[in-house]
Amino acid sequence: MMHIDKAQQRRKAYDARNAQRDKDAVSREIVDKFLGHAAYQQAKTVMFYLHCRSEVRTRDRVREQLSGDKQVIVPYCTKDADGQNRLGLWKLEGLQELQPGTWGILEPPKERWGESGKEIAPEALDLVMVPGVAFDRSGGRLGNGAGYYDRLLKSVGKDTVLIGVCFETQIMPEIVMEAHDIYMDYVITETAIYKGRGRF
């Protein structure tokens, strides 16, 4: 039953995200709120995601942040030693370092994965911008189901702040959460900043 509920929520949220109008302008409002948040102001090392498909658009804003005083980290999809999906973390100095990879998402070329000085440990992140298919106002998150972010969010430091970003139309009354799922500290949309339950 729980599986069906998650699948139904995912379908409904995908439809809402795909139907979102003025994605560029609305995405800018959302990312502006993220950049203005106290957690961002205080952070030194920040992970941004690079959008694909109909997600909140981030790429241009990430480019702008490269000239700021933060260490900008972007994820890429890889596997761990057991063959499980995991996110590698890349210290970004210019978008020209990246090329389209899994699902067309920009990532460093495979031959540079794990490169010394470019690869960052999850514990080093002060703040993570977390994408999602849907969220609720308590910080519950519904992902794509591949587990990449689930594993990352379990391995960040206890003081790392987790901020989900989405369009307001992706906010659901309640996300079906399982024991291993992680709540966000905040969820930011174009109309609100919701204070989530967090991890503890």
C-alpha atoms as a PDB file:
ATOM      1  CA  MET A   1       0.000   0.000   0.000  1.00  0.00           C
ATOM      2  CA  MET A   2       2.791   2.377   0.945  1.00  0.00           C
ATOM      3  CA  HIS A   3       4.445   1.713  -2.428  1.00  0.00           C
ATOM      4  CA  ILE A   4       1.268   2.688  -4.274  1.00  0.00           C
ATOM      5  CA  ASP A   5       0.934   5.854  -2.183  1.00  0.00           C
ATOM      6  CA  LYS A   6       4.483   6.937  -3.004  1.00  0.00           C
ATOM      7  CA  ALA A   7       3.975   6.157  -6.682  1.00  0.00           C
ATOM      8  CA  GLN A   8       0.729   8.145  -6.732  1.00  0.00           C
ATOM      9  CA  GLN A   9       2.337  11.094  -4.950  1.00  0.00           C
ATOM     10  CA  ARG A  10       5.270  10.992  -7.365  1.00  0.00           C
ATOM     11  CA  ARG A  11       2.989  11.017 -10.421  1.00  0.00           C
ATOM     12  CA  LYS A  12       0.905  13.904  -9.071  1.00  0.00           C
ATOM     13  CA  ALA A  13       4.032  15.912  -8.200  1.00  0.00           C
ATOM     14  CA  TYR A  14       5.690  15.290 -11.589  1.00  0.00           C
ATOM     15  CA  ASP A  15       2.530  16.548 -13.286  1.00  0.00           C
ATOM     16  CA  ALA A  16       2.477  19.672 -11.104  1.00  0.00           C
ATOM     17  CA  ARG A  17       6.175  20.361 -11.737  1.00  0.00           C
ATOM     18  CA  ASN A  18       5.834  19.851 -15.482  1.00  0.00           C
ATOM     19  CA  ALA A  19       2.844  22.224 -15.580  1.00  0.00           C
ATOM     20  CA  GLN A  20       4.607  25.001 -13.637  1.00  0.00           C
ATOM     21  CA  ARG A  21       4.463  28.264 -15.608  1.00  0.00           C
ATOM     22  CA  ASP A  22       7.282  30.843 -15.882  1.00  0.00           C
ATOM     23  CA  LYS A  23       9.860  28.349 -14.595  1.00  0.00           C
ATOM     24  CA  ASP A  24      12.811  30.719 -15.079  1.00  0.00           C
ATOM     25  CA  ALA A  25      11.252  33.606 -13.141  1.00  0.00           C
ATOM     26  CA  VAL A  26       9.776  31.434 -10.387  1.00  0.00           C
ATOM     27  CA  SER A  27      13.032  29.490 -10.023  1.00  0.00           C
ATOM     28  CA  ARG A  28      14.890  32.781  -9.580  1.00  0.00           C
ATOM     29  CA  GLU A  29      12.538  33.753  -6.725  1.00  0.00           C
ATOM     30  CA  ILE A  30      13.125  30.402  -5.014  1.00  0.00           C
ATOM     31  CA  VAL A  31      16.916  30.504  -5.364  1.00  0.00           C
ATOM     32  CA  ASP A  32      16.943  34.142  -4.195  1.00  0.00           C
ATOM     33  CA  LYS A  33      15.258  32.984  -0.963  1.00  0.00           C
ATOM     34  CA  PHE A  34      17.843  30.208  -0.608  1.00  0.00           C
ATOM     35  CA  LEU A  35      20.749  32.646  -1.103  1.00  0.00           C
ATOM     36  CA  GLY A  36      19.204  35.067   1.380  1.00  0.00           C
ATOM     37  CA  HIS A  37      18.687  32.422   4.063  1.00  0.00           C
ATOM     38  CA  ALA A  38      20.783  32.685   7.243  1.00  0.00           C
ATOM     39  CA  ALA A  39      22.058  29.128   6.720  1.00  0.00           C
ATOM     40  CA  TYR A  40      23.518  30.179   3.368  1.00  0.00           C
ATOM     41  CA  GLN A  41      24.984  33.401   4.739  1.00  0.00           C
ATOM     42  CA  GLN A  42      26.804  31.448   7.464  1.00  0.00           C
ATOM     43  CA  ALA A  43      27.939  28.509   5.329  1.00  0.00           C
ATOM     44  CA  LYS A  44      31.410  28.170   3.828  1.00  0.00           C
ATOM     45  CA  THR A  45      30.890  24.983   1.789  1.00  0.00           C
ATOM     46  CA  VAL A  46      27.556  24.679  -0.029  1.00  0.00           C
ATOM     47  CA  MET A  47      26.250  21.920  -2.272  1.00  0.00           C
ATOM     48  CA  PHE A  48      23.957  23.028  -5.077  1.00  0.00           C
ATOM     49  CA  TYR A  49      22.274  20.642  -7.462  1.00  0.00           C
ATOM     50  CA  LEU A  50      22.291  21.338 -11.198  1.00  0.00           C
ATOM     51  CA  HIS A  51      18.741  21.018 -12.503  1.00  0.00           C
ATOM     52  CA  CYS A  52      17.444  18.638 -15.096  1.00  0.00           C
ATOM     53  CA  ARG A  53      14.073  18.287 -16.765  1.00  0.00           C
ATOM     54  CA  SER A  54      11.388  20.361 -14.989  1.00  0.00           C
ATOM     55  CA  GLU A  55      13.182  20.905 -11.656  1.00  0.00           C
ATOM     56  CA  VAL A  56      13.663  24.338 -10.089  1.00  0.00           C
ATOM     57  CA  ARG A  57      16.344  25.861 -12.307  1.00  0.00           C
ATOM     58  CA  THR A  58      19.670  26.484 -10.626  1.00  0.00           C
ATOM     59  CA  ARG A  59      22.450  26.482 -13.226  1.00  0.00           C
ATOM     60  CA  ASP A  60      22.715  30.232 -13.879  1.00  0.00           C
ATOM     61  CA  ARG A  61      22.615  31.011 -10.169  1.00  0.00           C
ATOM     62  CA  VAL A  62      25.355  28.465  -9.453  1.00  0.00           C
ATOM     63  CA  ARG A  63      27.497  30.196 -12.073  1.00  0.00           C
ATOM     64  CA  GLU A  64      26.952  33.520 -10.258  1.00  0.00           C
ATOM     65  CA  GLN A  65      28.015  32.024  -6.912  1.00  0.00           C
ATOM     66  CA  LEU A  66      31.369  30.844  -8.273  1.00  0.00           C
ATOM     67  CA  SER A  67      32.711  34.380  -7.975  1.00  0.00           C
ATOM     68  CA  GLY A  68      31.578  34.665  -4.338  1.00  0.00           C
ATOM     69  CA  ASP A  69      33.229  33.625  -1.087  1.00  0.00           C
ATOM     70  CA  LYS A  70      31.618  30.171  -0.790  1.00  0.00           C
ATOM     71  CA  GLN A  71      33.099  26.848  -1.789  1.00  0.00           C
ATOM     72  CA  VAL A  72      30.579  25.583  -4.365  1.00  0.00           C
ATOM     73  CA  ILE A  73      30.043  21.827  -4.537  1.00  0.00           C
ATOM     74  CA  VAL A  74      27.969  19.955  -7.137  1.00  0.00           C
ATOM     75  CA  PRO A  75      26.979  16.268  -7.054  1.00  0.00           C
ATOM     76  CA  TYR A  76      27.374  13.584  -9.677  1.00  0.00           C
ATOM     77  CA  CYS A  77      25.842  10.111  -9.902  1.00  0.00           C
ATOM     78  CA  THR A  78      28.205   7.223  -9.274  1.00  0.00           C
ATOM     79  CA  LYS A  79      28.353   3.897  -7.384  1.00  0.00           C
ATOM     80  CA  ASP A  80      29.942   2.867  -4.099  1.00  0.00           C
ATOM     81  CA  ALA A  81      32.167  -0.185  -3.593  1.00  0.00           C
ATOM     82  CA  ASP A  82      29.049  -2.375  -3.221  1.00  0.00           C
ATOM     83  CA  GLY A  83      27.516  -1.124  -6.465  1.00  0.00           C
ATOM     84  CA  GLN A  84      24.919   1.031  -4.674  1.00  0.00           C
ATOM     85  CA  ASN A  85      23.918   4.408  -6.140  1.00  0.00           C
ATOM     86  CA  ARG A  86      25.723   7.284  -4.471  1.00  0.00           C
ATOM     87  CA  LEU A  87      26.559  10.928  -5.123  1.00  0.00           C
ATOM     88  CA  GLY A  88      30.133  12.018  -5.616  1.00  0.00           C
ATOM     89  CA  LEU A  89      30.835  15.612  -4.527  1.00  0.00           C
ATOM     90  CA  TRP A  90      32.854  17.883  -6.800  1.00  0.00           C
ATOM     91  CA  LYS A  91      34.409  21.230  -5.863  1.00  0.00           C
ATOM     92  CA  LEU A  92      33.362  23.427  -8.774  1.00  0.00           C
ATOM     93  CA  GLU A  93      35.476  26.290 -10.059  1.00  0.00           C
ATOM     94  CA  GLY A  94      33.862  26.748 -13.472  1.00  0.00           C
ATOM     95  CA  LEU A  95      30.932  25.207 -15.362  1.00  0.00           C
ATOM     96  CA  GLN A  96      33.332  24.430 -18.217  1.00  0.00           C
ATOM     97  CA  GLU A  97      34.684  21.596 -16.016  1.00  0.00           C
ATOM     98  CA  LEU A  98      31.394  19.746 -16.489  1.00  0.00           C
ATOM     99  CA  GLN A  99      29.722  17.785 -19.279  1.00  0.00           C
ATOM    100  CA  PRO A 100      26.305  16.123 -19.662  1.00  0.00           C
ATOM    101  CA  GLY A 101      26.185  12.792 -17.831  1.00  0.00           C
ATOM    102  CA  THR A 102      23.431  10.686 -16.234  1.00  0.00           C
ATOM    103  CA  TRP A 103      19.988  11.983 -17.348  1.00  0.00           C
ATOM    104  CA  GLY A 104      21.769  14.883 -19.071  1.00  0.00           C
ATOM    105  CA  ILE A 105      22.800  16.396 -15.725  1.00  0.00           C
ATOM    106  CA  LEU A 106      26.108  18.278 -15.873  1.00  0.00           C
ATOM    107  CA  GLU A 107      28.903  16.401 -14.111  1.00  0.00           C
ATOM    108  CA  PRO A 108      32.710  16.174 -14.135  1.00  0.00           C
ATOM    109  CA  PRO A 109      34.148  13.776 -16.732  1.00  0.00           C
ATOM    110  CA  LYS A 110      34.460  10.196 -15.424  1.00  0.00           C
ATOM    111  CA  GLU A 111      38.249  10.186 -15.706  1.00  0.00           C
ATOM    112  CA  ARG A 112      38.398  12.994 -13.117  1.00  0.00           C
ATOM    113  CA  TRP A 113      36.068  11.405 -10.543  1.00  0.00           C
ATOM    114  CA  GLY A 114      37.782  11.152  -7.183  1.00  0.00           C
ATOM    115  CA  GLU A 115      40.503  13.633  -8.181  1.00  0.00           C
ATOM    116  CA  SER A 116      42.506  14.920  -5.224  1.00  0.00           C
ATOM    117  CA  GLY A 117      41.612  18.499  -4.335  1.00  0.00           C
ATOM    118  CA  LYS A 118      38.325  18.319  -6.251  1.00  0.00           C
ATOM    119  CA  GLU A 119      36.534  15.538  -4.365  1.00  0.00           C
ATOM    120  CA  ILE A 120      34.849  16.601  -1.115  1.00  0.00           C
ATOM    121  CA  ALA A 121      33.672  14.405   1.779  1.00  0.00           C
ATOM    122  CA  PRO A 122      29.975  14.679   2.748  1.00  0.00           C
ATOM    123  CA  GLU A 123      30.979  15.710   6.289  1.00  0.00           C
ATOM    124  CA  ALA A 124      32.619  18.853   4.854  1.00  0.00           C
ATOM    125  CA  LEU A 125      29.288  20.291   3.669  1.00  0.00           C
ATOM    126  CA  ASP A 126      27.775  23.110   5.744  1.00  0.00           C
ATOM    127  CA  LEU A 127      24.597  23.329   3.664  1.00  0.00           C
ATOM    128  CA  VAL A 128      22.893  21.137   1.053  1.00  0.00           C
ATOM    129  CA  MET A 129      20.342  22.368  -1.495  1.00  0.00           C
ATOM    130  CA  VAL A 130      18.146  19.301  -1.928  1.00  0.00           C
ATOM    131  CA  PRO A 131      15.938  18.710  -4.968  1.00  0.00           C
ATOM    132  CA  GLY A 132      12.802  16.607  -4.696  1.00  0.00           C
ATOM    133  CA  VAL A 133       9.771  15.451  -6.597  1.00  0.00           C
ATOM    134  CA  ALA A 134       7.584  16.662  -3.711  1.00  0.00           C
ATOM    135  CA  PHE A 135       7.858  17.951  -0.146  1.00  0.00           C
ATOM    136  CA  ASP A 136       5.459  18.676   2.689  1.00  0.00           C
ATOM    137  CA  ARG A 137       5.446  21.565   5.173  1.00  0.00           C
ATOM    138  CA  SER A 138       7.153  19.426   7.845  1.00  0.00           C
ATOM    139  CA  GLY A 139      10.181  18.852   5.634  1.00  0.00           C
ATOM    140  CA  GLY A 140       9.121  15.424   4.383  1.00  0.00           C
ATOM    141  CA  ARG A 141      10.690  14.674   1.008  1.00  0.00           C
ATOM    142  CA  LEU A 142       9.793  12.431  -1.910  1.00  0.00           C
ATOM    143  CA  GLY A 143      12.686  11.731  -4.280  1.00  0.00           C
ATOM    144  CA  ASN A 144      12.895   9.969  -7.627  1.00  0.00           C
ATOM    145  CA  GLY A 145      13.340   6.621  -5.912  1.00  0.00           C
ATOM    146  CA  ALA A 146      16.938   5.906  -6.942  1.00  0.00           C
ATOM    147  CA  GLY A 147      18.347   6.535  -3.453  1.00  0.00           C
ATOM    148  CA  TYR A 148      21.195   8.902  -4.384  1.00  0.00           C
ATOM    149  CA  TYR A 149      20.170  11.686  -2.013  1.00  0.00           C
ATOM    150  CA  ASP A 150      18.986   9.289   0.708  1.00  0.00           C
ATOM    151  CA  ARG A 151      22.526   7.934   1.018  1.00  0.00           C
ATOM    152  CA  LEU A 152      24.154  11.373   0.865  1.00  0.00           C
ATOM    153  CA  LEU A 153      21.869  12.850   3.522  1.00  0.00           C
ATOM    154  CA  LYS A 154      22.690  10.000   5.900  1.00  0.00           C
ATOM    155  CA  SER A 155      26.425  10.701   5.611  1.00  0.00           C
ATOM    156  CA  VAL A 156      26.593  14.503   6.020  1.00  0.00           C
ATOM    157  CA  GLY A 157      27.682  16.039   9.341  1.00  0.00           C
ATOM    158  CA  LYS A 158      25.173  16.473  12.155  1.00  0.00           C
ATOM    159  CA  ASP A 159      25.377  20.274  11.814  1.00  0.00           C
ATOM    160  CA  THR A 160      24.891  20.264   8.026  1.00  0.00           C
ATOM    161  CA  VAL A 161      21.716  22.197   7.146  1.00  0.00           C
ATOM    162  CA  LEU A 162      19.363  20.551   4.627  1.00  0.00           C
ATOM    163  CA  ILE A 163      17.151  22.852   2.562  1.00  0.00           C
ATOM    164  CA  GLY A 164      14.695  21.412   0.056  1.00  0.00           C
ATOM    165  CA  VAL A 165      13.696  23.619  -2.872  1.00  0.00           C
ATOM    166  CA  CYS A 166      10.617  23.184  -5.043  1.00  0.00           C
ATOM    167  CA  PHE A 167       7.720  24.986  -6.657  1.00  0.00           C
ATOM    168  CA  GLU A 168       4.769  25.619  -4.317  1.00  0.00           C
ATOM    169  CA  THR A 169       2.687  23.284  -6.514  1.00  0.00           C
ATOM    170  CA  GLN A 170       4.990  20.415  -5.426  1.00  0.00           C
ATOM    171  CA  ILE A 171       4.016  20.847  -1.751  1.00  0.00           C
ATOM    172  CA  MET A 172       1.798  17.930  -0.670  1.00  0.00           C
ATOM    173  CA  PRO A 173      -0.353  17.768   2.491  1.00  0.00           C
ATOM    174  CA  GLU A 174       1.791  14.899   3.786  1.00  0.00           C
ATOM    175  CA  ILE A 175       4.591  12.893   2.193  1.00  0.00           C
ATOM    176  CA  VAL A 176       4.589   9.155   2.891  1.00  0.00           C
ATOM    177  CA  MET A 177       7.755   8.854   5.020  1.00  0.00           C
ATOM    178  CA  GLU A 178       9.434   5.584   5.962  1.00  0.00           C
ATOM    179  CA  ALA A 179      11.750   4.973   8.918  1.00  0.00           C
ATOM    180  CA  HIS A 180      14.923   5.585   6.886  1.00  0.00           C
ATOM    181  CA  ASP A 181      13.673   8.783   5.194  1.00  0.00           C
ATOM    182  CA  ILE A 182      15.203  12.082   6.259  1.00  0.00           C
ATOM    183  CA  TYR A 183      13.305  15.307   6.964  1.00  0.00           C
ATOM    184  CA  MET A 184      14.599  18.658   5.726  1.00  0.00           C
ATOM    185  CA  ASP A 185      15.462  21.520   8.076  1.00  0.00           C
ATOM    186  CA  TYR A 186      13.672  23.918   5.707  1.00  0.00           C
ATOM    187  CA  VAL A 187      11.729  23.782   2.461  1.00  0.00           C
ATOM    188  CA  ILE A 188      11.768  26.866   0.238  1.00  0.00           C
ATOM    189  CA  THR A 189       9.213  27.660  -2.466  1.00  0.00           C
ATOM    190  CA  GLU A 190       8.442  30.876  -4.323  1.00  0.00           C
ATOM    191  CA  THR A 191       5.812  31.779  -1.712  1.00  0.00           C
ATOM    192  CA  ALA A 192       7.117  30.426   1.594  1.00  0.00           C
ATOM    193  CA  ILE A 193       9.945  29.114   3.737  1.00  0.00           C
ATOM    194  CA  TYR A 194       8.687  26.136   5.739  1.00  0.00           C
ATOM    195  CA  LYS A 195      10.518  25.077   8.917  1.00  0.00           C
ATOM    196  CA  GLY A 196      10.947  21.329   8.700  1.00  0.00           C
ATOM    197  CA  ARG A 197      11.397  18.748  11.449  1.00  0.00           C
ATOM    198  CA  GLY A 198      15.039  18.167  10.580  1.00  0.00           C
ATOM    199  CA  ARG A 199      16.927  14.989  11.411  1.00  0.00           C
ATOM    200  CA  PHE A 200      17.005  14.960  15.208  1.00  0.00           C
END
